[in-house]
Structure formats: structure tokens, C-alpha cells
Protein backbone atom coordinates (compact mmCIF):
# COMPACT_ATOMS: atom_id res chain seq x y z
CA MET A 1 -63.09 -94.53 131.96
CA THR A 2 -60.42 -93.18 134.24
CA GLY A 3 -59.65 -91.96 137.75
CA ARG A 4 -56.77 -89.65 138.55
CA PHE A 5 -54.51 -88.03 141.09
CA ALA A 6 -53.27 -84.56 140.20
CA PRO A 7 -50.80 -83.04 142.66
CA SER A 8 -48.97 -79.74 142.35
CA PRO A 9 -45.19 -80.33 142.22
CA THR A 10 -44.41 -77.54 144.65
CA GLY A 11 -42.86 -79.73 147.34
CA THR A 12 -42.79 -83.25 148.71
CA LEU A 13 -46.12 -85.02 149.19
CA HIS A 14 -47.13 -85.17 152.85
CA LEU A 15 -49.08 -87.87 154.62
CA GLY A 16 -52.43 -86.25 153.80
CA ASN A 17 -51.56 -86.09 150.08
CA LEU A 18 -50.53 -89.75 150.11
CA ARG A 19 -53.79 -90.73 151.82
CA THR A 20 -55.83 -88.88 149.19
CA ALA A 21 -53.79 -90.44 146.37
CA LEU A 22 -54.33 -93.90 147.85
CA LEU A 23 -58.08 -93.32 148.12
CA ALA A 24 -58.23 -92.09 144.50
CA TRP A 25 -56.30 -95.15 143.31
CA LEU A 26 -58.44 -97.57 145.31
CA ALA A 27 -61.67 -95.93 144.10
CA ALA A 28 -60.55 -96.32 140.50
CA ARG A 29 -59.17 -99.84 140.74
CA SER A 30 -62.13 -101.15 142.77
CA THR A 31 -64.55 -100.04 140.03
CA GLY A 32 -62.46 -101.27 137.10
CA LEU A 33 -61.23 -97.84 136.02
CA ASP A 34 -57.90 -96.89 134.55
CA PHE A 35 -55.77 -94.52 136.65
CA ILE A 36 -53.54 -91.61 135.63
CA VAL A 37 -51.32 -89.04 137.33
CA ARG A 38 -51.23 -85.42 136.18
CA MET A 39 -48.95 -82.64 137.37
CA GLU A 40 -50.81 -79.38 138.01
CA ASP A 41 -47.72 -77.21 137.72
CA LEU A 42 -49.30 -73.83 137.03
CA ASP A 43 -47.33 -72.23 139.87
CA ARG A 44 -44.31 -70.90 137.98
CA VAL A 45 -42.52 -69.95 141.19
CA GLN A 46 -42.87 -73.07 143.34
CA ALA A 47 -43.26 -75.90 140.80
CA ALA A 48 -40.03 -77.73 140.00
CA PRO A 49 -39.01 -80.95 138.18
CA GLU A 50 -37.26 -82.31 141.27
CA HIS A 51 -40.52 -82.10 143.22
CA GLU A 52 -42.29 -84.01 140.46
CA VAL A 53 -39.65 -86.76 140.50
CA ARG A 54 -39.93 -87.16 144.25
CA GLN A 55 -43.72 -87.17 144.21
CA LEU A 56 -43.87 -89.89 141.56
CA SER A 57 -41.29 -91.93 143.48
CA ASP A 58 -43.35 -91.68 146.69
CA LEU A 59 -46.56 -92.69 144.90
CA ALA A 60 -44.84 -95.76 143.48
CA ALA A 61 -43.33 -96.57 146.88
CA ILE A 62 -46.77 -96.85 148.52
CA GLY A 63 -47.89 -99.26 145.79
CA LEU A 64 -49.67 -97.04 143.28
CA ASP A 65 -49.35 -97.53 139.54
CA TRP A 66 -50.75 -95.52 136.64
CA SER A 67 -51.10 -95.57 132.87
CA GLY A 68 -49.34 -93.50 130.24
CA ASP A 69 -47.05 -90.53 130.48
CA VAL A 70 -47.55 -87.94 133.18
CA VAL A 71 -49.23 -84.86 131.70
CA ARG A 72 -48.06 -81.42 132.83
CA GLN A 73 -50.37 -78.42 132.74
CA SER A 74 -47.45 -76.10 131.98
CA GLU A 75 -47.22 -77.78 128.56
CA ARG A 76 -50.90 -77.27 127.67
CA PHE A 77 -51.47 -73.52 127.84
CA ASP A 78 -52.69 -73.39 124.22
CA LEU A 79 -55.56 -75.75 125.08
CA TYR A 80 -56.69 -73.58 127.98
CA ARG A 81 -56.42 -70.38 125.93
CA ASP A 82 -58.53 -71.94 123.17
CA ALA A 83 -61.25 -72.63 125.75
CA LEU A 84 -60.96 -69.08 127.07
CA ALA A 85 -61.30 -67.74 123.52
CA MET A 86 -64.48 -69.77 123.05
CA LEU A 87 -66.01 -68.23 126.16
CA ARG A 88 -64.89 -64.74 125.15
CA SER A 89 -66.52 -65.16 121.74
CA ARG A 90 -69.82 -65.63 123.61
CA ASP A 91 -69.23 -62.50 125.71
CA LEU A 92 -68.94 -64.58 128.89
CA VAL A 93 -65.59 -63.15 129.96
CA TYR A 94 -64.56 -59.74 131.27
CA GLU A 95 -61.35 -58.06 132.35
CA CYS A 96 -60.65 -57.63 136.05
CA PHE A 97 -58.03 -55.11 137.18
CA CYS A 98 -58.52 -55.59 140.93
CA SER A 99 -55.52 -56.32 143.09
CA ARG A 100 -55.70 -59.05 145.73
CA ARG A 101 -55.81 -56.40 148.43
CA GLU A 102 -58.73 -54.64 146.73
CA ILE A 103 -60.59 -57.91 146.32
CA ARG A 104 -60.13 -58.78 150.01
CA ALA A 105 -61.46 -55.36 150.99
CA GLU A 106 -64.48 -55.75 148.68
CA ILE A 107 -65.24 -59.22 150.02
CA GLU A 108 -65.08 -58.01 153.61
CA SER A 109 -67.41 -55.09 152.94
CA ALA A 110 -69.89 -56.69 150.53
CA PRO A 111 -72.58 -59.19 151.57
CA ARG A 112 -72.20 -62.65 150.06
CA ALA A 113 -75.09 -64.72 148.74
CA PRO A 114 -75.43 -67.80 150.97
CA HIS A 115 -75.09 -70.24 148.06
CA LEU A 116 -71.75 -68.82 146.85
CA PRO A 117 -68.41 -70.26 147.98
CA PRO A 118 -66.31 -68.40 150.56
CA GLY A 119 -64.15 -65.65 149.07
CA SER A 120 -66.42 -65.16 146.06
CA TYR A 121 -65.53 -62.18 143.92
CA PRO A 122 -68.21 -59.46 144.26
CA GLY A 123 -68.08 -58.43 140.58
CA THR A 124 -66.36 -55.07 141.00
CA CYS A 125 -65.04 -54.89 137.42
CA ARG A 126 -68.04 -56.51 135.74
CA THR A 127 -69.47 -53.17 134.61
CA LEU A 128 -66.21 -51.26 134.27
CA THR A 129 -66.49 -48.13 132.13
CA SER A 130 -64.12 -47.61 129.21
CA THR A 131 -62.70 -44.54 130.96
CA ARG A 132 -61.90 -46.48 134.11
CA ARG A 133 -60.48 -49.35 132.08
CA GLN A 134 -58.13 -47.02 130.23
CA ARG A 135 -57.05 -45.47 133.51
CA TYR A 136 -55.99 -48.89 134.79
CA LEU A 137 -54.15 -49.65 131.56
CA ASP A 138 -52.35 -46.30 131.67
CA ALA A 139 -51.29 -47.10 135.23
CA GLY A 140 -49.65 -50.30 133.99
CA ARG A 141 -52.19 -52.75 135.35
CA THR A 142 -52.66 -56.01 133.45
CA PRO A 143 -56.11 -57.58 133.78
CA ALA A 144 -57.10 -61.04 134.83
CA MET A 145 -60.00 -62.67 132.96
CA ARG A 146 -63.18 -63.61 134.80
CA LEU A 147 -66.33 -65.50 133.93
CA ARG A 148 -69.61 -63.57 133.72
CA ALA A 149 -71.41 -65.97 136.00
CA ASP A 150 -74.77 -64.19 136.06
CA GLU A 151 -75.07 -64.13 132.27
CA SER A 152 -73.85 -67.69 131.78
CA LEU A 153 -76.27 -69.00 134.41
CA ALA A 154 -79.24 -67.01 133.11
CA ALA A 155 -80.80 -69.96 131.28
CA SER A 156 -80.56 -72.32 134.24
CA SER A 157 -80.64 -72.35 138.02
CA SER A 158 -78.20 -70.15 139.91
CA VAL A 159 -77.33 -73.19 142.04
CA ILE A 160 -75.47 -76.25 140.78
CA ASN A 161 -76.62 -79.54 142.34
CA PHE A 162 -74.55 -82.71 142.24
CA THR A 163 -74.17 -85.99 144.08
CA ASP A 164 -70.81 -86.57 145.71
CA LEU A 165 -69.61 -90.14 146.26
CA VAL A 166 -68.51 -89.28 149.80
CA ALA A 167 -70.38 -86.12 150.84
CA GLY A 168 -73.72 -87.17 149.32
CA ASP A 169 -76.10 -84.56 147.89
CA ALA A 170 -74.27 -81.27 147.47
CA PHE A 171 -74.91 -77.90 145.89
CA GLY A 172 -73.36 -74.49 145.46
CA GLY A 173 -73.35 -71.30 143.46
CA VAL A 174 -70.94 -69.98 140.86
CA ASP A 175 -69.21 -66.63 141.16
CA ASP A 176 -67.20 -64.67 138.60
CA VAL A 177 -64.34 -67.13 138.84
CA VAL A 178 -60.90 -66.27 137.43
CA LEU A 179 -60.20 -67.99 134.10
CA GLN A 180 -56.78 -66.45 133.48
CA ARG A 181 -54.56 -64.66 135.95
CA ASN A 182 -53.11 -61.24 135.27
CA ASP A 183 -49.72 -62.80 134.48
CA GLY A 184 -51.29 -64.73 131.61
CA VAL A 185 -51.33 -68.09 133.39
CA PRO A 186 -54.61 -70.01 133.00
CA SER A 187 -56.48 -70.59 136.25
CA TYR A 188 -56.72 -73.90 138.03
CA ASN A 189 -60.50 -74.11 137.56
CA LEU A 190 -60.28 -73.72 133.79
CA ALA A 191 -57.25 -75.97 133.34
CA VAL A 192 -58.62 -78.81 135.41
CA VAL A 193 -61.90 -79.11 133.48
CA ILE A 194 -60.07 -79.11 130.14
CA ASP A 195 -57.57 -81.72 131.30
CA ASP A 196 -60.16 -84.01 132.87
CA ALA A 197 -62.20 -83.96 129.67
CA LEU A 198 -59.29 -84.48 127.29
CA GLN A 199 -57.81 -87.25 129.42
CA GLY A 200 -61.10 -89.09 129.69
CA VAL A 201 -61.35 -88.70 133.46
CA THR A 202 -64.71 -89.98 134.68
CA GLN A 203 -64.01 -90.13 138.42
CA VAL A 204 -62.35 -87.45 140.56
CA ILE A 205 -61.45 -88.29 144.15
CA ARG A 206 -59.78 -85.39 145.97
CA GLY A 207 -59.66 -83.51 149.27
CA ASP A 208 -62.88 -82.02 150.60
CA ASP A 209 -61.32 -78.55 150.65
CA LEU A 210 -62.25 -78.51 146.95
CA LEU A 211 -65.91 -79.39 147.47
CA THR A 212 -67.07 -75.76 147.33
CA THR A 213 -65.27 -75.08 144.03
CA THR A 214 -66.84 -78.10 142.30
CA PRO A 215 -69.97 -76.17 141.15
CA ARG A 216 -67.67 -73.73 139.32
CA GLN A 217 -66.04 -76.60 137.48
CA ILE A 218 -69.32 -78.30 136.64
CA HIS A 219 -70.65 -75.03 135.25
CA LEU A 220 -67.55 -74.54 133.10
CA GLN A 221 -67.96 -78.08 131.81
CA HIS A 222 -71.53 -77.27 130.78
CA LEU A 223 -70.49 -74.05 129.05
CA LEU A 224 -67.70 -75.78 127.13
CA GLY A 225 -69.75 -78.84 126.21
CA LEU A 226 -67.58 -81.18 128.28
CA ALA A 227 -68.59 -84.26 130.23
CA THR A 228 -68.86 -84.01 134.01
CA PRO A 229 -66.98 -86.65 136.01
CA THR A 230 -68.29 -88.26 139.16
CA TYR A 231 -66.81 -86.49 142.19
CA GLY A 232 -65.86 -87.76 145.63
CA HIS A 233 -64.39 -85.42 148.23
CA VAL A 234 -62.52 -87.16 151.03
CA PRO A 235 -61.73 -85.81 154.52
CA LEU A 236 -58.42 -84.06 155.05
CA VAL A 237 -55.67 -84.99 157.48
CA LEU A 238 -55.24 -82.48 160.29
CA GLY A 239 -52.39 -81.88 162.70
CA ASP A 240 -52.68 -81.92 166.48
CA ASP A 241 -53.51 -78.21 166.28
CA SER A 242 -56.62 -78.99 164.16
CA GLU A 243 -55.06 -77.23 161.18
CA ARG A 244 -54.87 -79.24 157.97
CA LEU A 245 -51.51 -80.63 156.97
CA SER A 246 -49.87 -78.74 154.12
CA LYS A 247 -46.47 -78.48 152.54
CA ARG A 248 -45.91 -75.40 154.67
CA HIS A 249 -47.65 -76.42 157.88
CA GLY A 250 -47.10 -79.49 160.00
CA SER A 251 -46.39 -81.80 157.11
CA VAL A 252 -44.63 -85.14 157.49
CA THR A 253 -43.32 -86.95 154.43
CA LEU A 254 -42.76 -90.57 153.50
CA ALA A 255 -38.98 -90.10 153.56
CA GLU A 256 -39.08 -88.60 157.04
CA LEU A 257 -41.14 -91.49 158.37
CA VAL A 258 -38.88 -94.08 156.75
CA ASP A 259 -35.77 -92.31 158.07
CA ALA A 260 -37.32 -92.50 161.54
CA GLY A 261 -37.55 -96.28 161.22
CA ALA A 262 -41.03 -96.95 159.83
CA SER A 263 -41.41 -99.41 156.97
CA THR A 264 -43.42 -98.45 153.92
CA ARG A 265 -45.70 -101.44 154.57
CA LEU A 266 -46.55 -100.18 158.05
CA ILE A 267 -47.15 -96.66 156.73
CA VAL A 268 -49.55 -97.97 154.08
CA SER A 269 -51.25 -100.12 156.73
CA GLU A 270 -51.85 -97.06 158.90
CA LEU A 271 -53.23 -95.12 155.94
CA VAL A 272 -55.63 -97.94 155.06
CA SER A 273 -56.71 -98.26 158.70
CA SER A 274 -57.53 -94.54 158.79
CA PHE A 275 -60.41 -94.92 156.36
CA GLY A 276 -61.83 -98.10 157.83
CA SER A 277 -60.81 -100.78 155.34
CA GLU A 278 -59.80 -104.26 156.44
CA PHE A 279 -56.48 -105.69 155.26
CA ASP A 280 -53.88 -108.36 155.87
CA ALA A 281 -51.22 -106.64 157.96
CA THR A 282 -48.70 -109.40 157.24
CA SER A 283 -48.79 -108.91 153.46
CA ASP A 284 -46.33 -106.90 151.41
CA VAL A 285 -47.60 -103.57 150.06
CA SER A 286 -48.73 -104.95 146.70
CA SER A 287 -50.65 -107.89 148.20
CA LEU A 288 -52.11 -105.68 150.93
CA LEU A 289 -53.56 -103.24 148.41
CA SER A 290 -54.82 -106.02 146.15
CA GLY A 291 -56.80 -107.36 149.08
CA VAL A 292 -58.23 -103.93 149.89
CA VAL A 293 -59.27 -103.29 146.28
CA SER A 294 -61.51 -106.36 146.21
CA SER A 295 -63.89 -104.95 148.81
CA PHE A 296 -63.26 -101.20 148.70
CA VAL A 297 -66.18 -98.77 148.37
CA ILE A 298 -65.29 -95.07 148.39
CA GLY A 299 -68.67 -94.09 149.81
CA ALA A 300 -68.16 -96.34 152.82
CA ILE A 301 -64.94 -94.79 154.15
CA THR A 302 -64.92 -93.50 157.71
CA PRO A 303 -66.35 -89.95 157.64
CA GLY A 304 -64.77 -86.86 159.17
CA GLU A 305 -61.29 -85.39 159.29
CA VAL A 306 -58.37 -87.50 160.40
CA VAL A 307 -55.84 -86.27 162.95
CA TYR A 308 -52.15 -87.06 162.59
CA SER A 309 -50.31 -87.47 165.88
CA PRO A 310 -46.62 -88.38 166.29
CA GLU A 311 -46.43 -91.44 168.58
CA PRO A 312 -42.86 -92.60 169.23
CA ASN A 313 -44.10 -95.82 170.83
CA ALA A 314 -46.38 -96.76 167.92
CA PRO A 315 -44.94 -99.31 165.46
CA VAL A 316 -45.10 -96.77 162.64
CA GLY A 317 -44.16 -93.73 164.73
CA PHE A 318 -47.54 -92.01 164.40
CA THR A 319 -51.28 -92.58 164.57
CA LEU A 320 -54.14 -91.42 162.39
CA ARG A 321 -57.38 -91.11 164.36
CA ASN A 322 -60.81 -89.90 163.39
CA ALA A 323 -61.47 -86.36 164.63
CA ARG A 324 -65.09 -87.07 165.55
């Protein structure tokens, strides 16, 4: 039984990423689970080995350890395509020639069922005629591959219910999610369910921005005969402008904080404080985390988003406060 942290190596991990990684590690270790790190490097443009090296170094610096070699999704395309072929053999996949602009226009103009996640594809190409399909091919368009959600859900409820370790009872619908992009790259939702199953992942702790896509993944697990992990979606870290931290917006990294004079121990202490755990502030990082593990419960963390604020007079140079 295993927990995991699976970043995308498209830049340096920011404070919000490190907080999520720490929560995933604590949730695994506190329940006796193994822990692995996986690189979700499907982005051929932004993903780079130097980002992976830095991310792994930062995870180790804040006291996290993991088992085995780091798996990279870019090295596992055959596994994802085998799963896609299985779904296609059951007529649960169709070609989609829509551009992103066309999809946005369709979403804006078409009503969305209340149980579907935001941005759900309205099914424009689901009943594409052979004439229209050939016209797209003649124009040089390459199709993406989408799941036939209606058909695959026909034998069960159109809503997927699950219990989240942090959010509690949750539910959501499944749309015609992309399984393979039009450049031939497998989609995140397909790759992640294959990897979690093959790596024996039984617990997934991640940011709550992925809560609404979880029903899609659970449904794909059911279709492919794969086990469903236990999920826990933790609050994100926001900036002072109430926008979530990202690699391209308001991010602050471990190296930047250390360069500004903060010790790694103080940074880890602030991260632990932000989700309500007690700890010995005088301990080194390893001892501090060992003490937290002994009493940590993922479902008992402080709820709500956390706001990052630079504070030059604070010992660590910043504060993390609950947004509520």
C-alpha cells in the first residue's frame, strides 16, 4: 500500500507544491504506507530534466524520502495506449476534431448539466458523420480521442459518489474526457489512473483543484478494471491577491526563501503550522517531522485555503494564514 506525490517537472516547486507534498508524505507515513514520487512529464514543451532534479532536491531538503526509482510518464506511453486500445475495442472512444477555440465557444453557448465539472466538453464530435470526418481529415486536422461517457455510464448512475479524506462526501459527473490529445500524447486523466494502479498507489493526497476531475478518474478505473485509491484533496495556497500560487503566478520557491535568510527548518515549521499540527520547533527537520507523523491525521487538518504573505519581520520571512 502506497501514497505518492506526482509533480509536473515544468519549473521549480513553489511553497504550495511543497505544502501538498508534505501533506501527502505525512498522510502516508502516519498510516504505515510506503511513499513514492512520480514525474508527470507529459508536457513536451515545458517539462525538462533540470526541473526534475531541482524538484527532487527540494523535496529531500524539506525532509521527505521515498522508495524506488522515480517513474516518468514520458517513458510509459505504450501502457497508456494499450489502455486506450482496450476502451476503443469496446466502442467507448471517439475522434474529436474540435479546436480549443471551438470547444470554448461550444461550452459558452451550451447549457451544462449541474453535476458535470466546469469546462465539460459538450459532445460536439460524438455523432460526427463520415462526410464531416473526412472533411476535417482533408483539411489536415488530427483528432484527439475522447471517452463516450454516456455509453460507458449507461449501466450505472450518471453521478460518481466517493468519500474524500479531507472534503468528506463528494460526487460529480463524467463528461467525454480527452484520453489522447491530437498530438498523440496520452491525457493526464488516463495516464494517472494507469500509473496509480501499476504502482500500487492506494492513497492519493493532492490539491483540491483536482477534486472535480476525480469522478472521471474513478470511472476510468472502473472501466479498466483497476482499483480505486482513497483520495484526499487539500486546500491550496493563495497569494495576497486571492489567486492560487502557481509556477507562473506569485510563486515563491525554497531556494528564494533560503537565499533571503530563512532556514529550511523554519520553512518546514511554518508549513506544518499552516495545517494545524503541533511540533517541536527546536528540533531539526527530521526529528520535527517524526514527531508530527506520530499524531498526524489528514482529515483533521485546518480547512480552507491558506494565504501566503511576505512578512520581512517574521522569522521565516513570510506567514501562511487560513483564509477563513
